[in-house]
C-alpha atoms as a PDB file:
ATOM      1  CA  MET A   1      53.383-121.357-148.662  1.00  0.00           C
ATOM      2  CA  ILE A   2      53.710-117.930-150.426  1.00  0.00           C
ATOM      3  CA  SER A   3      50.902-115.345-150.200  1.00  0.00           C
ATOM      4  CA  ILE A   4      50.859-112.021-152.178  1.00  0.00           C
ATOM      5  CA  ARG A   5      47.728-110.401-150.802  1.00  0.00           C
ATOM      6  CA  SER A   6      47.099-109.268-147.347  1.00  0.00           C
ATOM      7  CA  THR A   7      43.408-109.842-147.140  1.00  0.00           C
ATOM      8  CA  PRO A   8      41.765-112.400-144.883  1.00  0.00           C
ATOM      9  CA  PHE A   9      41.935-115.077-147.755  1.00  0.00           C
ATOM     10  CA  PHE A  10      45.466-115.006-147.274  1.00  0.00           C
ATOM     11  CA  LEU A  11      45.904-114.605-143.784  1.00  0.00           C
ATOM     12  CA  SER A  12      45.378-117.068-140.910  1.00  0.00           C
ATOM     13  CA  ALA A  13      41.982-118.713-140.653  1.00  0.00           C
ATOM     14  CA  VAL A  14      41.638-116.816-137.076  1.00  0.00           C
ATOM     15  CA  ALA A  15      41.420-113.689-139.288  1.00  0.00           C
ATOM     16  CA  LEU A  16      38.380-115.442-141.072  1.00  0.00           C
ATOM     17  CA  VAL A  17      36.791-115.941-137.675  1.00  0.00           C
ATOM     18  CA  THR A  18      37.054-112.618-136.608  1.00  0.00           C
ATOM     19  CA  LEU A  19      35.771-110.835-139.768  1.00  0.00           C
ATOM     20  CA  SER A  20      32.267-110.413-138.282  1.00  0.00           C
ATOM     21  CA  ALA A  21      33.502-108.649-135.084  1.00  0.00           C
ATOM     22  CA  VAL A  22      33.391-105.173-136.514  1.00  0.00           C
ATOM     23  CA  ALA A  23      31.139-102.161-136.412  1.00  0.00           C
ATOM     24  CA  PRO A  24      28.205-102.493-138.754  1.00  0.00           C
ATOM     25  CA  LEU A  25      27.839-100.536-141.900  1.00  0.00           C
ATOM     26  CA  PRO A  26      25.254 -97.993-142.413  1.00  0.00           C
ATOM     27  CA  ALA A  27      21.841 -99.234-142.633  1.00  0.00           C
ATOM     28  CA  ALA A  28      21.533 -98.119-146.145  1.00  0.00           C
ATOM     29  CA  GLU A  29      24.292-100.454-147.191  1.00  0.00           C
ATOM     30  CA  GLU A  30      23.162-103.343-145.260  1.00  0.00           C
ATOM     31  CA  VAL A  31      19.805-103.616-146.843  1.00  0.00           C
ATOM     32  CA  ILE A  32      20.928-104.928-150.281  1.00  0.00           C
ATOM     33  CA  ASN A  33      23.102-107.766-151.256  1.00  0.00           C
ATOM     34  CA  GLY A  34      23.601-107.534-155.125  1.00  0.00           C
ATOM     35  CA  ILE A  35      26.130-108.701-157.301  1.00  0.00           C
ATOM     36  CA  ALA A  36      29.537-106.915-157.271  1.00  0.00           C
ATOM     37  CA  ALA A  37      31.294-108.941-160.043  1.00  0.00           C
ATOM     38  CA  ILE A  38      30.581-112.086-162.344  1.00  0.00           C
ATOM     39  CA  VAL A  39      33.636-114.417-162.726  1.00  0.00           C
ATOM     40  CA  ASN A  40      32.795-116.722-165.528  1.00  0.00           C
ATOM     41  CA  GLY A  41      29.664-118.523-163.862  1.00  0.00           C
ATOM     42  CA  ASP A  42      30.411-117.301-160.427  1.00  0.00           C
ATOM     43  CA  VAL A  43      29.379-114.285-158.538  1.00  0.00           C
ATOM     44  CA  VAL A  44      31.062-111.961-156.177  1.00  0.00           C
ATOM     45  CA  THR A  45      28.501-110.702-153.748  1.00  0.00           C
ATOM     46  CA  TYR A  46      28.445-107.251-152.135  1.00  0.00           C
ATOM     47  CA  SER A  47      28.391-109.054-148.627  1.00  0.00           C
ATOM     48  CA  GLN A  48      31.563-110.679-149.553  1.00  0.00           C
ATOM     49  CA  VAL A  49      33.052-107.587-150.332  1.00  0.00           C
ATOM     50  CA  ARG A  50      32.015-106.009-146.882  1.00  0.00           C
ATOM     51  CA  GLU A  51      32.916-108.713-145.047  1.00  0.00           C
ATOM     52  CA  LEU A  52      36.486-108.838-146.535  1.00  0.00           C
ATOM     53  CA  VAL A  53      37.064-105.158-145.862  1.00  0.00           C
ATOM     54  CA  ALA A  54      35.292-104.994-142.330  1.00  0.00           C
ATOM     55  CA  ALA A  55      38.309-105.141-140.296  1.00  0.00           C
ATOM     56  CA  GLN A  56      40.191-102.508-142.452  1.00  0.00           C
ATOM     57  CA  GLN A  57      37.025-100.415-142.615  1.00  0.00           C
ATOM     58  CA  LYS A  58      36.968-100.203-138.670  1.00  0.00           C
ATOM     59  CA  SER A  59      40.514 -99.352-138.608  1.00  0.00           C
ATOM     60  CA  ALA A  60      40.142 -96.498-141.235  1.00  0.00           C
ATOM     61  CA  SER A  61      37.112 -95.123-139.241  1.00  0.00           C
ATOM     62  CA  GLU A  62      39.273 -94.598-136.284  1.00  0.00           C
ATOM     63  CA  ILE A  63      41.835 -92.533-138.532  1.00  0.00           C
ATOM     64  CA  TYR A  64      39.794 -90.968-141.156  1.00  0.00           C
ATOM     65  CA  GLN A  65      36.344 -89.157-141.379  1.00  0.00           C
ATOM     66  CA  GLY A  66      33.753 -87.865-143.739  1.00  0.00           C
ATOM     67  CA  GLU A  67      34.696 -87.803-147.616  1.00  0.00           C
ATOM     68  CA  GLU A  68      38.449 -88.990-146.784  1.00  0.00           C
ATOM     69  CA  LEU A  69      36.802 -91.782-144.953  1.00  0.00           C
ATOM     70  CA  GLN A  70      34.356 -92.610-147.767  1.00  0.00           C
ATOM     71  CA  ASN A  71      37.174 -92.481-150.337  1.00  0.00           C
ATOM     72  CA  LYS A  72      39.240 -94.991-148.256  1.00  0.00           C
ATOM     73  CA  ILE A  73      36.330 -97.417-148.170  1.00  0.00           C
ATOM     74  CA  LYS A  74      35.693 -97.149-151.699  1.00  0.00           C
ATOM     75  CA  GLU A  75      39.488 -97.930-152.601  1.00  0.00           C
ATOM     76  CA  MET A  76      39.342-100.893-150.179  1.00  0.00           C
ATOM     77  CA  ARG A  77      36.253-102.393-151.665  1.00  0.00           C
ATOM     78  CA  GLN A  78      37.742-102.013-155.358  1.00  0.00           C
ATOM     79  CA  HIS A  79      40.758-103.944-153.911  1.00  0.00           C
ATOM     80  CA  ALA A  80      38.485-106.369-152.226  1.00  0.00           C
ATOM     81  CA  VAL A  81      36.436-106.939-155.309  1.00  0.00           C
ATOM     82  CA  ASN A  82      39.748-107.584-157.288  1.00  0.00           C
ATOM     83  CA  ASP A  83      41.060-109.972-154.631  1.00  0.00           C
ATOM     84  CA  LEU A  84      37.818-111.833-154.838  1.00  0.00           C
ATOM     85  CA  ILE A  85      37.921-112.240-158.470  1.00  0.00           C
ATOM     86  CA  ASP A  86      41.425-113.599-158.251  1.00  0.00           C
ATOM     87  CA  ARG A  87      40.166-115.981-155.660  1.00  0.00           C
ATOM     88  CA  ASP A  88      37.367-117.122-157.907  1.00  0.00           C
ATOM     89  CA  LEU A  89      39.705-117.584-160.782  1.00  0.00           C
ATOM     90  CA  ILE A  90      42.215-119.762-158.785  1.00  0.00           C
ATOM     91  CA  LEU A  91      39.353-121.898-157.265  1.00  0.00           C
ATOM     92  CA  GLN A  92      38.181-122.295-160.813  1.00  0.00           C
ATOM     93  CA  GLU A  93      41.351-123.546-162.224  1.00  0.00           C
ATOM     94  CA  PHE A  94      41.886-125.930-159.269  1.00  0.00           C
ATOM     95  CA  LYS A  95      38.661-127.556-160.108  1.00  0.00           C
ATOM     96  CA  LYS A  96      39.238-127.546-163.781  1.00  0.00           C
ATOM     97  CA  LYS A  97      42.420-129.321-163.450  1.00  0.00           C
ATOM     98  CA  GLU A  98      40.541-131.846-161.188  1.00  0.00           C
ATOM     99  CA  PHE A  99      42.974-131.572-158.208  1.00  0.00           C
ATOM    100  CA  ASN A 100      41.832-132.473-154.734  1.00  0.00           C
ATOM    101  CA  ILE A 101      42.800-131.258-151.260  1.00  0.00           C
ATOM    102  CA  PRO A 102      42.814-134.186-149.013  1.00  0.00           C
ATOM    103  CA  ALA A 103      40.414-133.915-145.953  1.00  0.00           C
ATOM    104  CA  TYR A 104      43.336-134.718-143.451  1.00  0.00           C
ATOM    105  CA  ILE A 105      45.096-131.357-144.576  1.00  0.00           C
ATOM    106  CA  VAL A 106      42.111-129.392-143.593  1.00  0.00           C
ATOM    107  CA  ASP A 107      41.517-131.065-140.372  1.00  0.00           C
ATOM    108  CA  ASP A 108      45.159-130.484-139.556  1.00  0.00           C
ATOM    109  CA  SER A 109      45.095-127.000-140.322  1.00  0.00           C
ATOM    110  CA  ILE A 110      41.719-126.508-138.103  1.00  0.00           C
ATOM    111  CA  GLN A 111      43.704-128.503-135.245  1.00  0.00           C
ATOM    112  CA  ARG A 112      46.490-126.393-135.520  1.00  0.00           C
ATOM    113  CA  ILE A 113      44.288-123.251-135.062  1.00  0.00           C
ATOM    114  CA  ILE A 114      42.636-124.688-132.290  1.00  0.00           C
ATOM    115  CA  ARG A 115      46.175-125.523-130.428  1.00  0.00           C
ATOM    116  CA  GLN A 116      47.763-122.260-131.198  1.00  0.00           C
ATOM    117  CA  GLU A 117      44.835-119.831-130.963  1.00  0.00           C
ATOM    118  CA  PHE A 118      42.668-121.752-128.189  1.00  0.00           C
ATOM    119  CA  GLY A 119      44.926-123.539-126.251  1.00  0.00           C
ATOM    120  CA  GLY A 120      43.571-126.911-127.449  1.00  0.00           C
ATOM    121  CA  ASP A 121      39.908-126.160-126.312  1.00  0.00           C
ATOM    122  CA  ARG A 122      37.697-127.157-129.099  1.00  0.00           C
ATOM    123  CA  THR A 123      34.778-125.905-127.470  1.00  0.00           C
ATOM    124  CA  ALA A 124      36.018-122.459-126.979  1.00  0.00           C
ATOM    125  CA  PHE A 125      36.779-122.420-130.571  1.00  0.00           C
ATOM    126  CA  VAL A 126      33.312-123.592-131.538  1.00  0.00           C
ATOM    127  CA  LYS A 127      31.733-120.913-129.287  1.00  0.00           C
ATOM    128  CA  THR A 128      33.851-118.425-130.961  1.00  0.00           C
ATOM    129  CA  LEU A 129      32.717-119.481-134.434  1.00  0.00           C
ATOM    130  CA  GLN A 130      29.101-119.232-133.465  1.00  0.00           C
ATOM    131  CA  ALA A 131      29.357-115.854-131.695  1.00  0.00           C
ATOM    132  CA  GLN A 132      30.882-114.793-134.993  1.00  0.00           C
ATOM    133  CA  GLY A 133      28.052-115.945-136.852  1.00  0.00           C
ATOM    134  CA  TYR A 134      30.038-119.025-138.543  1.00  0.00           C
ATOM    135  CA  THR A 135      28.993-122.699-138.729  1.00  0.00           C
ATOM    136  CA  MET A 136      31.728-125.250-138.421  1.00  0.00           C
ATOM    137  CA  ALA A 137      31.041-126.058-142.193  1.00  0.00           C
ATOM    138  CA  ARG A 138      31.370-122.560-143.446  1.00  0.00           C
ATOM    139  CA  PHE A 139      34.687-122.250-141.389  1.00  0.00           C
ATOM    140  CA  ARG A 140      35.954-125.329-142.800  1.00  0.00           C
ATOM    141  CA  ASN A 141      35.139-124.377-146.504  1.00  0.00           C
ATOM    142  CA  ASN A 142      36.734-120.999-145.931  1.00  0.00           C
ATOM    143  CA  GLU A 143      39.742-122.762-144.506  1.00  0.00           C
ATOM    144  CA  LYS A 144      39.718-125.448-147.581  1.00  0.00           C
ATOM    145  CA  ASP A 145      39.536-122.498-150.036  1.00  0.00           C
ATOM    146  CA  LYS A 146      42.329-120.675-148.394  1.00  0.00           C
ATOM    147  CA  ILE A 147      44.584-123.984-148.520  1.00  0.00           C
ATOM    148  CA  THR A 148      43.808-124.361-152.148  1.00  0.00           C
ATOM    149  CA  VAL A 149      44.440-120.667-153.106  1.00  0.00           C
ATOM    150  CA  GLN A 150      47.777-120.815-151.352  1.00  0.00           C
ATOM    151  CA  ALA A 151      48.739-124.393-152.794  1.00  0.00           C
ATOM    152  CA  MET A 152      47.903-123.199-156.247  1.00  0.00           C
ATOM    153  CA  ARG A 153      49.983-120.006-155.919  1.00  0.00           C
ATOM    154  CA  GLN A 154      52.971-122.002-154.527  1.00  0.00           C
ATOM    155  CA  SER A 155      52.474-124.430-157.515  1.00  0.00           C
ATOM    156  CA  LYS A 156      53.060-121.543-160.027  1.00  0.00           C
ATOM    157  CA  THR A 157      56.366-120.560-158.295  1.00  0.00           C
ATOM    158  CA  SER A 158      59.891-121.945-159.140  1.00  0.00           C
ATOM    159  CA  ASP A 159      62.381-123.108-156.476  1.00  0.00           C
ATOM    160  CA  ASN A 160      65.236-122.759-159.043  1.00  0.00           C
ATOM    161  CA  ILE A 161      65.231-119.195-159.567  1.00  0.00           C
ATOM    162  CA  ILE A 162      68.948-117.839-159.843  1.00  0.00           C
ATOM    163  CA  VAL A 163      69.599-114.191-159.106  1.00  0.00           C
ATOM    164  CA  SER A 164      72.432-112.830-161.050  1.00  0.00           C
ATOM    165  CA  PRO A 165      75.315-110.875-159.332  1.00  0.00           C
ATOM    166  CA  VAL A 166      74.596-107.774-161.407  1.00  0.00           C
ATOM    167  CA  LYS A 167      70.983-107.566-160.016  1.00  0.00           C
ATOM    168  CA  ILE A 168      72.355-108.100-156.358  1.00  0.00           C
ATOM    169  CA  GLN A 169      74.680-105.376-156.887  1.00  0.00           C
ATOM    170  CA  ALA A 170      72.018-103.159-158.587  1.00  0.00           C
ATOM    171  CA  TYR A 171      69.593-103.815-155.657  1.00  0.00           C
ATOM    172  CA  TYR A 172      72.517-103.041-153.071  1.00  0.00           C
ATOM    173  CA  ASP A 173      73.425 -99.764-154.671  1.00  0.00           C
ATOM    174  CA  LYS A 174      69.831 -98.591-155.030  1.00  0.00           C
ATOM    175  CA  HIS A 175      69.156 -99.499-151.194  1.00  0.00           C
ATOM    176  CA  ARG A 176      72.302 -98.736-149.631  1.00  0.00           C
ATOM    177  CA  ASP A 177      70.747 -96.391-147.121  1.00  0.00           C
ATOM    178  CA  ALA A 178      68.661 -99.315-145.772  1.00  0.00           C
ATOM    179  CA  TYR A 179      71.931-100.952-144.960  1.00  0.00           C
ATOM    180  CA  SER A 180      73.446 -97.834-143.595  1.00  0.00           C
ATOM    181  CA  THR A 181      73.696 -96.149-140.028  1.00  0.00           C
ATOM    182  CA  PRO A 182      74.061 -92.426-140.253  1.00  0.00           C
ATOM    183  CA  ALA A 183      76.838 -90.608-138.356  1.00  0.00           C
ATOM    184  CA  GLN A 184      75.970 -89.629-134.818  1.00  0.00           C
ATOM    185  CA  ILE A 185      77.192 -87.215-132.216  1.00  0.00           C
ATOM    186  CA  LYS A 186      76.888 -87.440-128.361  1.00  0.00           C
ATOM    187  CA  LEU A 187      75.882 -83.937-127.975  1.00  0.00           C
ATOM    188  CA  ARG A 188      75.631 -81.298-125.139  1.00  0.00           C
ATOM    189  CA  MET A 189      74.124 -77.972-125.602  1.00  0.00           C
ATOM    190  CA  ILE A 190      73.734 -74.535-123.982  1.00  0.00           C
ATOM    191  CA  VAL A 191      71.054 -72.187-125.196  1.00  0.00           C
ATOM    192  CA  LEU A 192      70.565 -68.605-123.982  1.00  0.00           C
ATOM    193  CA  LYS A 193      67.309 -67.043-125.558  1.00  0.00           C
ATOM    194  CA  GLU A 194      66.808 -63.301-126.101  1.00  0.00           C
ATOM    195  CA  GLY A 195      64.051 -61.913-124.019  1.00  0.00           C
ATOM    196  CA  SER A 196      63.989 -64.693-121.470  1.00  0.00           C
ATOM    197  CA  SER A 197      64.867 -64.088-117.826  1.00  0.00           C
ATOM    198  CA  SER A 198      67.897 -65.301-116.249  1.00  0.00           C
ATOM    199  CA  GLU A 199      66.681 -65.494-112.742  1.00  0.00           C
ATOM    200  CA  GLY A 200      67.749 -69.079-112.344  1.00  0.00           C
ATOM    201  CA  SER A 201      71.413 -68.167-112.516  1.00  0.00           C
ATOM    202  CA  SER A 202      73.116 -68.552-109.208  1.00  0.00           C
ATOM    203  CA  ASP A 203      76.433 -66.749-110.596  1.00  0.00           C
ATOM    204  CA  ALA A 204      76.937 -63.324-109.507  1.00  0.00           C
ATOM    205  CA  SER A 205      79.196 -62.714-112.758  1.00  0.00           C
ATOM    206  CA  SER A 206      75.771 -62.856-114.897  1.00  0.00           C
ATOM    207  CA  PRO A 207      73.271 -60.234-113.425  1.00  0.00           C
ATOM    208  CA  THR A 208      70.082 -59.813-115.425  1.00  0.00           C
ATOM    209  CA  SER A 209      71.087 -56.503-116.815  1.00  0.00           C
ATOM    210  CA  VAL A 210      73.954 -58.422-118.858  1.00  0.00           C
ATOM    211  CA  SER A 211      72.665 -58.989-122.429  1.00  0.00           C
ATOM    212  CA  LYS A 212      72.364 -62.690-123.563  1.00  0.00           C
ATOM    213  CA  LYS A 213      75.061 -62.210-126.056  1.00  0.00           C
ATOM    214  CA  GLN A 214      77.250 -61.101-123.194  1.00  0.00           C
ATOM    215  CA  MET A 215      76.364 -63.843-121.120  1.00  0.00           C
ATOM    216  CA  ALA A 216      77.167 -66.390-123.830  1.00  0.00           C
ATOM    217  CA  VAL A 217      80.536 -64.726-124.297  1.00  0.00           C
ATOM    218  CA  GLU A 218      81.435 -65.066-120.604  1.00  0.00           C
ATOM    219  CA  ILE A 219      80.102 -68.878-120.581  1.00  0.00           C
ATOM    220  CA  ARG A 220      82.374 -69.653-123.466  1.00  0.00           C
ATOM    221  CA  GLU A 221      85.105 -68.183-121.797  1.00  0.00           C
ATOM    222  CA  LYS A 222      84.612 -70.025-118.646  1.00  0.00           C
ATOM    223  CA  LEU A 223      84.496 -73.053-120.784  1.00  0.00           C
ATOM    224  CA  SER A 224      87.895 -72.540-122.662  1.00  0.00           C
ATOM    225  CA  GLU A 225      89.353 -71.957-119.047  1.00  0.00           C
ATOM    226  CA  GLY A 226      88.271 -75.544-118.141  1.00  0.00           C
ATOM    227  CA  ALA A 227      84.843 -75.165-116.695  1.00  0.00           C
ATOM    228  CA  GLU A 228      82.575 -78.199-116.832  1.00  0.00           C
ATOM    229  CA  PHE A 229      80.196 -77.803-119.444  1.00  0.00           C
ATOM    230  CA  ASP A 230      77.427 -79.978-117.788  1.00  0.00           C
ATOM    231  CA  ARG A 231      77.599 -77.564-114.742  1.00  0.00           C
ATOM    232  CA  LEU A 232      77.306 -74.376-116.616  1.00  0.00           C
ATOM    233  CA  ALA A 233      74.393 -75.833-118.652  1.00  0.00           C
ATOM    234  CA  GLN A 234      72.705 -76.543-115.503  1.00  0.00           C
ATOM    235  CA  MET A 235      73.216 -73.075-114.235  1.00  0.00           C
ATOM    236  CA  TYR A 236      72.348 -70.989-117.394  1.00  0.00           C
ATOM    237  CA  SER A 237      70.942 -72.989-120.336  1.00  0.00           C
ATOM    238  CA  GLU A 238      67.376 -72.258-121.088  1.00  0.00           C
ATOM    239  CA  ASP A 239      66.197 -75.261-122.926  1.00  0.00           C
ATOM    240  CA  SER A 240      64.591 -78.409-121.538  1.00  0.00           C
ATOM    241  CA  THR A 241      67.856 -80.298-121.225  1.00  0.00           C
ATOM    242  CA  ASN A 242      69.344 -77.906-118.618  1.00  0.00           C
ATOM    243  CA  GLU A 243      68.657 -80.222-115.735  1.00  0.00           C
ATOM    244  CA  SER A 244      70.640 -83.074-117.327  1.00  0.00           C
ATOM    245  CA  GLY A 245      73.592 -80.615-118.091  1.00  0.00           C
ATOM    246  CA  GLY A 246      72.421 -79.952-121.687  1.00  0.00           C
ATOM    247  CA  ASP A 247      72.539 -83.600-122.588  1.00  0.00           C
ATOM    248  CA  TRP A 248      70.830 -84.386-125.954  1.00  0.00           C
ATOM    249  CA  GLY A 249      72.360 -87.886-126.160  1.00  0.00           C
ATOM    250  CA  TRP A 250      73.241 -89.543-129.402  1.00  0.00           C
ATOM    251  CA  VAL A 251      71.734 -87.557-132.355  1.00  0.00           C
ATOM    252  CA  GLU A 252      71.806 -87.788-136.159  1.00  0.00           C
ATOM    253  CA  ARG A 253      72.497 -84.706-138.406  1.00  0.00           C
ATOM    254  CA  MET A 254      68.707 -84.680-139.252  1.00  0.00           C
ATOM    255  CA  THR A 255      67.732 -84.162-135.500  1.00  0.00           C
ATOM    256  CA  LEU A 256      69.217 -80.796-135.714  1.00  0.00           C
ATOM    257  CA  ASN A 257      68.525 -77.270-137.489  1.00  0.00           C
ATOM    258  CA  GLU A 258      70.873 -77.220-140.695  1.00  0.00           C
ATOM    259  CA  ASP A 259      72.968 -74.426-139.211  1.00  0.00           C
ATOM    260  CA  LEU A 260      73.391 -76.282-135.843  1.00  0.00           C
ATOM    261  CA  ALA A 261      74.140 -79.529-137.550  1.00  0.00           C
ATOM    262  CA  LYS A 262      76.872 -78.012-139.592  1.00  0.00           C
ATOM    263  CA  VAL A 263      78.694 -76.804-136.645  1.00  0.00           C
ATOM    264  CA  ALA A 264      78.061 -79.932-134.458  1.00  0.00           C
ATOM    265  CA  PHE A 265      79.259 -82.310-136.989  1.00  0.00           C
ATOM    266  CA  SER A 266      82.375 -80.523-137.718  1.00  0.00           C
ATOM    267  CA  LEU A 267      83.437 -80.670-133.927  1.00  0.00           C
ATOM    268  CA  LYS A 268      85.780 -83.487-132.675  1.00  0.00           C
ATOM    269  CA  PRO A 269      85.232 -85.211-129.467  1.00  0.00           C
ATOM    270  CA  SER A 270      85.584 -82.948-126.298  1.00  0.00           C
ATOM    271  CA  GLU A 271      85.876 -79.874-128.655  1.00  0.00           C
ATOM    272  CA  ILE A 272      83.547 -76.802-127.814  1.00  0.00           C
ATOM    273  CA  SER A 273      81.810 -74.744-130.732  1.00  0.00           C
ATOM    274  CA  PRO A 274      81.937 -71.007-130.961  1.00  0.00           C
ATOM    275  CA  ILE A 275      78.980 -69.212-130.108  1.00  0.00           C
ATOM    276  CA  ILE A 276      76.126 -69.738-132.667  1.00  0.00           C
ATOM    277  CA  PRO A 277      73.356 -66.969-132.933  1.00  0.00           C
ATOM    278  CA  LEU A 278      70.401 -68.376-134.355  1.00  0.00           C
ATOM    279  CA  ASP A 279      66.667 -67.355-134.072  1.00  0.00           C
ATOM    280  CA  ASN A 280      66.920 -64.599-131.243  1.00  0.00           C
ATOM    281  CA  ALA A 281      69.188 -67.362-129.278  1.00  0.00           C
ATOM    282  CA  TYR A 282      72.745 -68.105-128.680  1.00  0.00           C
ATOM    283  CA  TYR A 283      74.000 -71.636-128.784  1.00  0.00           C
ATOM    284  CA  ILE A 284      77.113 -73.490-127.596  1.00  0.00           C
ATOM    285  CA  LEU A 285      77.546 -76.995-128.159  1.00  0.00           C
ATOM    286  CA  MET A 286      80.134 -79.738-127.236  1.00  0.00           C
ATOM    287  CA  VAL A 287      80.695 -83.153-128.635  1.00  0.00           C
ATOM    288  CA  GLU A 288      81.476 -85.790-126.332  1.00  0.00           C
ATOM    289  CA  ALA A 289      81.898 -88.513-128.739  1.00  0.00           C
ATOM    290  CA  VAL A 290      81.411 -89.355-132.559  1.00  0.00           C
ATOM    291  CA  LYS A 291      80.158 -92.589-134.195  1.00  0.00           C
ATOM    292  CA  PRO A 292      80.932 -92.391-137.849  1.00  0.00           C
ATOM    293  CA  ALA A 293      78.543 -93.455-140.669  1.00  0.00           C
ATOM    294  CA  VAL A 294      78.849 -97.061-141.146  1.00  0.00           C
ATOM    295  CA  THR A 295      77.282 -99.069-144.160  1.00  0.00           C
ATOM    296  CA  LYS A 296      77.366-102.799-144.116  1.00  0.00           C
ATOM    297  CA  PRO A 297      79.476-104.365-146.956  1.00  0.00           C
ATOM    298  CA  LEU A 298      77.561-106.535-149.545  1.00  0.00           C
ATOM    299  CA  SER A 299      78.951-109.595-148.530  1.00  0.00           C
ATOM    300  CA  GLU A 300      77.248-109.181-145.059  1.00  0.00           C
ATOM    301  CA  VAL A 301      73.815-108.588-146.674  1.00  0.00           C
ATOM    302  CA  GLN A 302      74.055-110.536-149.788  1.00  0.00           C
ATOM    303  CA  GLN A 303      72.015-113.446-148.665  1.00  0.00           C
ATOM    304  CA  GLU A 304      69.152-111.223-147.438  1.00  0.00           C
ATOM    305  CA  ILE A 305      69.209-109.509-150.800  1.00  0.00           C
ATOM    306  CA  VAL A 306      69.009-112.678-152.655  1.00  0.00           C
ATOM    307  CA  GLN A 307      66.066-113.839-150.553  1.00  0.00           C
ATOM    308  CA  LYS A 308      64.110-110.752-151.475  1.00  0.00           C
ATOM    309  CA  LEU A 309      64.840-110.979-155.097  1.00  0.00           C
ATOM    310  CA  VAL A 310      63.887-114.424-155.245  1.00  0.00           C
ATOM    311  CA  GLN A 311      60.508-113.466-153.381  1.00  0.00           C
ATOM    312  CA  GLU A 312      60.007-110.636-155.845  1.00  0.00           C
ATOM    313  CA  GLU A 313      60.643-113.045-158.809  1.00  0.00           C
ATOM    314  CA  LYS A 314      58.118-115.517-157.298  1.00  0.00           C
ATOM    315  CA  LEU A 315      55.570-112.935-156.984  1.00  0.00           C
ATOM    316  CA  LYS A 316      55.888-111.850-160.432  1.00  0.00           C
ATOM    317  CA  GLY A 317      55.514-115.424-161.693  1.00  0.00           C
ATOM    318  CA  GLN A 318      52.170-115.597-159.770  1.00  0.00           C
ATOM    319  CA  GLU A 319      50.937-112.343-161.252  1.00  0.00           C
ATOM    320  CA  ARG A 320      51.770-113.527-164.769  1.00  0.00           C
ATOM    321  CA  TRP A 321      49.735-116.396-163.987  1.00  0.00           C
ATOM    322  CA  LEU A 322      46.971-114.680-162.626  1.00  0.00           C
ATOM    323  CA  LYS A 323      47.058-112.392-165.658  1.00  0.00           C
ATOM    324  CA  GLU A 324      46.672-115.177-167.870  1.00  0.00           C
ATOM    325  CA  LEU A 325      43.544-116.324-166.034  1.00  0.00           C
ATOM    326  CA  ARG A 326      42.044-113.062-166.113  1.00  0.00           C
ATOM    327  CA  GLU A 327      42.634-112.778-169.964  1.00  0.00           C
ATOM    328  CA  LYS A 328      40.824-115.929-170.565  1.00  0.00           C
ATOM    329  CA  ALA A 329      37.972-115.488-168.179  1.00  0.00           C
ATOM    330  CA  TYR A 330      34.860-113.696-168.341  1.00  0.00           C
ATOM    331  CA  ILE A 331      34.751-110.938-165.767  1.00  0.00           C
ATOM    332  CA  LYS A 332      32.188-108.264-165.121  1.00  0.00           C
ATOM    333  CA  ILE A 333      32.528-105.678-162.361  1.00  0.00           C
ATOM    334  CA  LEU A 334      29.105-104.258-161.737  1.00  0.00           C
END
């Protein structure tokens, strides 16, 4: 079944069970349970809204504070009111059409939850409901409503959607980066920083009195004469990778400073860069291997794209249907 909203009405029924297991709202908000919206003859209450956003609000309170948190909560509640309005409209349409959800479908759904989430232990399931303040009747009604909403949404989608090759190509062109792996290089680096001590050096040819620039020149000469890059990096480099021989592993262009990236990605395997002065430091780079950028061909990802575009069309169809229901309904948000 297809769902277009990530709220507990469109999630698994277990999410409905856990709605109450959240931190309480401020006392001033707990006291009143008024009407948040009127949908034809039905009402959406503040308690329904609070229940719907409770889990999200708890997560938000761990990330945001103060005014920013209040704005996030306000935004969540506005979305929740709209979701509850849509839910009521769908349920009203279901009743108007005199459709029916057989009892066994609800029973099967509940049994599936007990098997999957409680290991088949119905007693544990019932105790969890009670601990969350739910009766079995209330949970069953919620589950029936959830199934009804999903079924009604599904009924408004077509299984015969055809996506044109033009749309497939346009989507592929627009999202080409999603199907591409950027170029990478396996990089080693020696870094000498002006002003830092070179006491770690064990080579008599590089006393502390020698400038870092001169050290860099001497190291570069040793490398050109065949010295092992990783060995010299261990001896002289002043960055965090010195113990591993200056090994940066596989890196993408965006990982590096623009000036370093320009040089690094111009090197061939086993090639060593000239000395690069940058921000009071001197860099010597070596590329051990290169992985060129790769973009998956359209033929390889076409089926994935078709599925995404079909899903988009189904969601658009559901939204058009909901828009028609809203336009015909009396809705007042208080």
